[in-house]
Amino acid sequence: MSPTNDMDIKQDPDSPSARREALYLTLAQVPPGRVVSYGQLAQLAGLGRAARWVGRVLGQLPQGSALPWHRVIAAGGRLSLPAGSPSGAEQRARLRAEGVLIQHDRVDIRRHGWRPMEHSG
């Protein structure tokens, strides 16, 4: 994640770097064992209905990023990364290591979904 000057965000909250920073800051808060949909992540980051944009940005994260990209799934709990792909296999392995149950390429959102107000303590 590239550092962004707070002044840049205050001056132009709609700039691409400010939008990415808001996304990264929100994603970093998703705790282990919890998942969030692309659309929910966009809303929580203050980006409105930008689910597809979130997917594109996450697809461009540098190799070895510390952000928990694997905790972002499609609407309804569906895993959108193909099971046979390296990134899909990595996502499934990471989620399972965190105790997330995956059945038929789906995660039970009621059980594993991140609800910030509920999980904030």
C-alpha atoms as a PDB file:
ATOM      1  CA  MET A   1       0.000   0.000   0.000  1.00  0.00           C
ATOM      2  CA  SER A   2       1.436   3.328  -0.959  1.00  0.00           C
ATOM      3  CA  PRO A   3       1.334   6.042   1.651  1.00  0.00           C
ATOM      4  CA  THR A   4      -1.067   8.806   0.779  1.00  0.00           C
ATOM      5  CA  ASN A   5      -0.841  12.278   2.189  1.00  0.00           C
ATOM      6  CA  ASP A   6      -3.963  13.076   4.258  1.00  0.00           C
ATOM      7  CA  MET A   7      -4.059  16.438   2.544  1.00  0.00           C
ATOM      8  CA  ASP A   8      -4.539  14.721  -0.837  1.00  0.00           C
ATOM      9  CA  ILE A   9      -7.612  12.892   0.453  1.00  0.00           C
ATOM     10  CA  LYS A  10      -9.095  16.068   1.928  1.00  0.00           C
ATOM     11  CA  GLN A  11      -8.499  18.001  -1.287  1.00  0.00           C
ATOM     12  CA  ASP A  12      -9.867  15.404  -3.686  1.00  0.00           C
ATOM     13  CA  PRO A  13     -11.632  12.437  -2.062  1.00  0.00           C
ATOM     14  CA  ASP A  14     -12.609  11.173  -5.532  1.00  0.00           C
ATOM     15  CA  SER A  15      -9.062  10.890  -6.850  1.00  0.00           C
ATOM     16  CA  PRO A  16      -7.987   7.351  -7.782  1.00  0.00           C
ATOM     17  CA  SER A  17      -5.302   7.303  -5.082  1.00  0.00           C
ATOM     18  CA  ALA A  18      -7.756   8.474  -2.397  1.00  0.00           C
ATOM     19  CA  ARG A  19     -10.281   5.830  -3.466  1.00  0.00           C
ATOM     20  CA  ARG A  20      -7.628   3.097  -3.372  1.00  0.00           C
ATOM     21  CA  GLU A  21      -6.413   4.269   0.027  1.00  0.00           C
ATOM     22  CA  ALA A  22      -9.977   4.162   1.422  1.00  0.00           C
ATOM     23  CA  LEU A  23     -10.374   0.655   0.013  1.00  0.00           C
ATOM     24  CA  TYR A  24      -7.045  -0.557   1.447  1.00  0.00           C
ATOM     25  CA  LEU A  25      -7.744   0.934   4.889  1.00  0.00           C
ATOM     26  CA  THR A  26     -11.148  -0.740   5.042  1.00  0.00           C
ATOM     27  CA  LEU A  27      -9.885  -4.092   3.765  1.00  0.00           C
ATOM     28  CA  ALA A  28      -7.087  -4.084   6.347  1.00  0.00           C
ATOM     29  CA  GLN A  29      -9.756  -4.086   9.082  1.00  0.00           C
ATOM     30  CA  VAL A  30     -11.448  -7.340   7.998  1.00  0.00           C
ATOM     31  CA  PRO A  31     -10.506  -9.792  10.764  1.00  0.00           C
ATOM     32  CA  PRO A  32      -9.279 -13.356  10.251  1.00  0.00           C
ATOM     33  CA  GLY A  33     -12.096 -15.847   9.872  1.00  0.00           C
ATOM     34  CA  ARG A  34     -14.435 -13.226   8.391  1.00  0.00           C
ATOM     35  CA  VAL A  35     -15.326 -12.417   4.797  1.00  0.00           C
ATOM     36  CA  VAL A  36     -16.805  -9.435   3.020  1.00  0.00           C
ATOM     37  CA  SER A  37     -18.329  -9.122  -0.450  1.00  0.00           C
ATOM     38  CA  TYR A  38     -16.870  -6.811  -3.077  1.00  0.00           C
ATOM     39  CA  GLY A  39     -19.986  -4.635  -2.874  1.00  0.00           C
ATOM     40  CA  GLN A  40     -20.032  -4.513   0.920  1.00  0.00           C
ATOM     41  CA  LEU A  41     -16.346  -3.572   0.960  1.00  0.00           C
ATOM     42  CA  ALA A  42     -17.021  -0.755  -1.500  1.00  0.00           C
ATOM     43  CA  GLN A  43     -19.863   0.576   0.653  1.00  0.00           C
ATOM     44  CA  LEU A  44     -17.866   0.340   3.885  1.00  0.00           C
ATOM     45  CA  ALA A  45     -15.015   2.241   2.236  1.00  0.00           C
ATOM     46  CA  GLY A  46     -17.416   5.017   1.206  1.00  0.00           C
ATOM     47  CA  LEU A  47     -17.177   4.146  -2.483  1.00  0.00           C
ATOM     48  CA  GLY A  48     -20.845   3.487  -3.134  1.00  0.00           C
ATOM     49  CA  ARG A  49     -21.722   0.717  -5.551  1.00  0.00           C
ATOM     50  CA  ALA A  50     -18.225   0.073  -6.875  1.00  0.00           C
ATOM     51  CA  ALA A  51     -17.994  -3.703  -6.512  1.00  0.00           C
ATOM     52  CA  ARG A  52     -16.462  -4.239  -9.948  1.00  0.00           C
ATOM     53  CA  TRP A  53     -13.908  -1.496  -9.366  1.00  0.00           C
ATOM     54  CA  VAL A  54     -12.965  -3.143  -6.056  1.00  0.00           C
ATOM     55  CA  GLY A  55     -12.418  -6.420  -7.889  1.00  0.00           C
ATOM     56  CA  ARG A  56     -10.185  -4.769 -10.484  1.00  0.00           C
ATOM     57  CA  VAL A  57      -8.099  -2.997  -7.852  1.00  0.00           C
ATOM     58  CA  LEU A  58      -7.667  -6.138  -5.763  1.00  0.00           C
ATOM     59  CA  GLY A  59      -6.647  -8.031  -8.895  1.00  0.00           C
ATOM     60  CA  GLN A  60      -3.799  -5.548  -9.324  1.00  0.00           C
ATOM     61  CA  LEU A  61      -2.339  -5.869  -5.815  1.00  0.00           C
ATOM     62  CA  PRO A  62       1.391  -6.543  -5.893  1.00  0.00           C
ATOM     63  CA  GLN A  63       2.611 -10.071  -5.228  1.00  0.00           C
ATOM     64  CA  GLY A  64       3.085 -10.599  -1.499  1.00  0.00           C
ATOM     65  CA  SER A  65       0.716  -7.805  -0.447  1.00  0.00           C
ATOM     66  CA  ALA A  66      -0.067  -7.907   3.279  1.00  0.00           C
ATOM     67  CA  LEU A  67      -3.695  -6.930   2.636  1.00  0.00           C
ATOM     68  CA  PRO A  68      -6.183  -9.761   3.309  1.00  0.00           C
ATOM     69  CA  TRP A  69      -7.490  -9.880  -0.287  1.00  0.00           C
ATOM     70  CA  HIS A  70      -8.505 -13.505   0.239  1.00  0.00           C
ATOM     71  CA  ARG A  71     -11.306 -12.400   2.598  1.00  0.00           C
ATOM     72  CA  VAL A  72     -13.181 -10.670  -0.243  1.00  0.00           C
ATOM     73  CA  ILE A  73     -15.772 -12.830  -1.983  1.00  0.00           C
ATOM     74  CA  ALA A  74     -18.649 -12.402  -4.398  1.00  0.00           C
ATOM     75  CA  ALA A  75     -22.213 -11.615  -3.404  1.00  0.00           C
ATOM     76  CA  GLY A  76     -24.106 -14.395  -1.698  1.00  0.00           C
ATOM     77  CA  GLY A  77     -20.917 -15.989  -0.400  1.00  0.00           C
ATOM     78  CA  ARG A  78     -19.666 -17.284  -3.743  1.00  0.00           C
ATOM     79  CA  LEU A  79     -15.917 -17.619  -4.263  1.00  0.00           C
ATOM     80  CA  SER A  80     -15.256 -15.833  -7.541  1.00  0.00           C
ATOM     81  CA  LEU A  81     -11.667 -16.961  -8.120  1.00  0.00           C
ATOM     82  CA  PRO A  82     -11.564 -20.244 -10.075  1.00  0.00           C
ATOM     83  CA  ALA A  83     -10.723 -23.275  -7.919  1.00  0.00           C
ATOM     84  CA  GLY A  84      -8.100 -24.471 -10.407  1.00  0.00           C
ATOM     85  CA  SER A  85      -6.215 -21.177 -10.553  1.00  0.00           C
ATOM     86  CA  PRO A  86      -3.219 -20.396  -8.325  1.00  0.00           C
ATOM     87  CA  SER A  87      -4.989 -17.404  -6.755  1.00  0.00           C
ATOM     88  CA  GLY A  88      -8.194 -19.407  -6.268  1.00  0.00           C
ATOM     89  CA  ALA A  89      -6.304 -22.239  -4.575  1.00  0.00           C
ATOM     90  CA  GLU A  90      -4.459 -19.745  -2.374  1.00  0.00           C
ATOM     91  CA  GLN A  91      -7.696 -18.004  -1.394  1.00  0.00           C
ATOM     92  CA  ARG A  92      -9.334 -21.272  -0.400  1.00  0.00           C
ATOM     93  CA  ALA A  93      -6.281 -22.426   1.570  1.00  0.00           C
ATOM     94  CA  ARG A  94      -6.017 -19.112   3.432  1.00  0.00           C
ATOM     95  CA  LEU A  95      -9.711 -19.036   4.287  1.00  0.00           C
ATOM     96  CA  ARG A  96      -9.657 -22.639   5.516  1.00  0.00           C
ATOM     97  CA  ALA A  97      -6.560 -21.894   7.636  1.00  0.00           C
ATOM     98  CA  GLU A  98      -8.599 -19.116   9.303  1.00  0.00           C
ATOM     99  CA  GLY A  99     -11.448 -21.518  10.065  1.00  0.00           C
ATOM    100  CA  VAL A 100     -13.775 -20.430   7.276  1.00  0.00           C
ATOM    101  CA  LEU A 101     -15.915 -23.310   6.040  1.00  0.00           C
ATOM    102  CA  ILE A 102     -16.228 -23.603   2.268  1.00  0.00           C
ATOM    103  CA  GLN A 103     -18.895 -25.812   0.720  1.00  0.00           C
ATOM    104  CA  HIS A 104     -19.576 -25.995  -3.017  1.00  0.00           C
ATOM    105  CA  ASP A 105     -17.381 -22.901  -3.578  1.00  0.00           C
ATOM    106  CA  ARG A 106     -19.495 -20.873  -1.154  1.00  0.00           C
ATOM    107  CA  VAL A 107     -19.013 -19.401   2.294  1.00  0.00           C
ATOM    108  CA  ASP A 108     -21.916 -19.051   4.722  1.00  0.00           C
ATOM    109  CA  ILE A 109     -22.171 -15.263   4.993  1.00  0.00           C
ATOM    110  CA  ARG A 110     -24.386 -15.465   8.089  1.00  0.00           C
ATOM    111  CA  ARG A 111     -21.685 -17.419   9.872  1.00  0.00           C
ATOM    112  CA  HIS A 112     -18.480 -15.869   8.495  1.00  0.00           C
ATOM    113  CA  GLY A 113     -19.608 -12.472   7.204  1.00  0.00           C
ATOM    114  CA  TRP A 114     -17.929  -9.398   8.654  1.00  0.00           C
ATOM    115  CA  ARG A 115     -20.268  -6.994  10.377  1.00  0.00           C
ATOM    116  CA  PRO A 116     -18.012  -4.182  11.603  1.00  0.00           C
ATOM    117  CA  MET A 117     -20.388  -2.793  14.218  1.00  0.00           C
ATOM    118  CA  GLU A 118     -20.881  -6.252  15.696  1.00  0.00           C
ATOM    119  CA  HIS A 119     -17.209  -7.289  15.554  1.00  0.00           C
ATOM    120  CA  SER A 120     -15.674  -4.017  16.729  1.00  0.00           C
ATOM    121  CA  GLY A 121     -15.861  -5.008  20.367  1.00  0.00           C
END
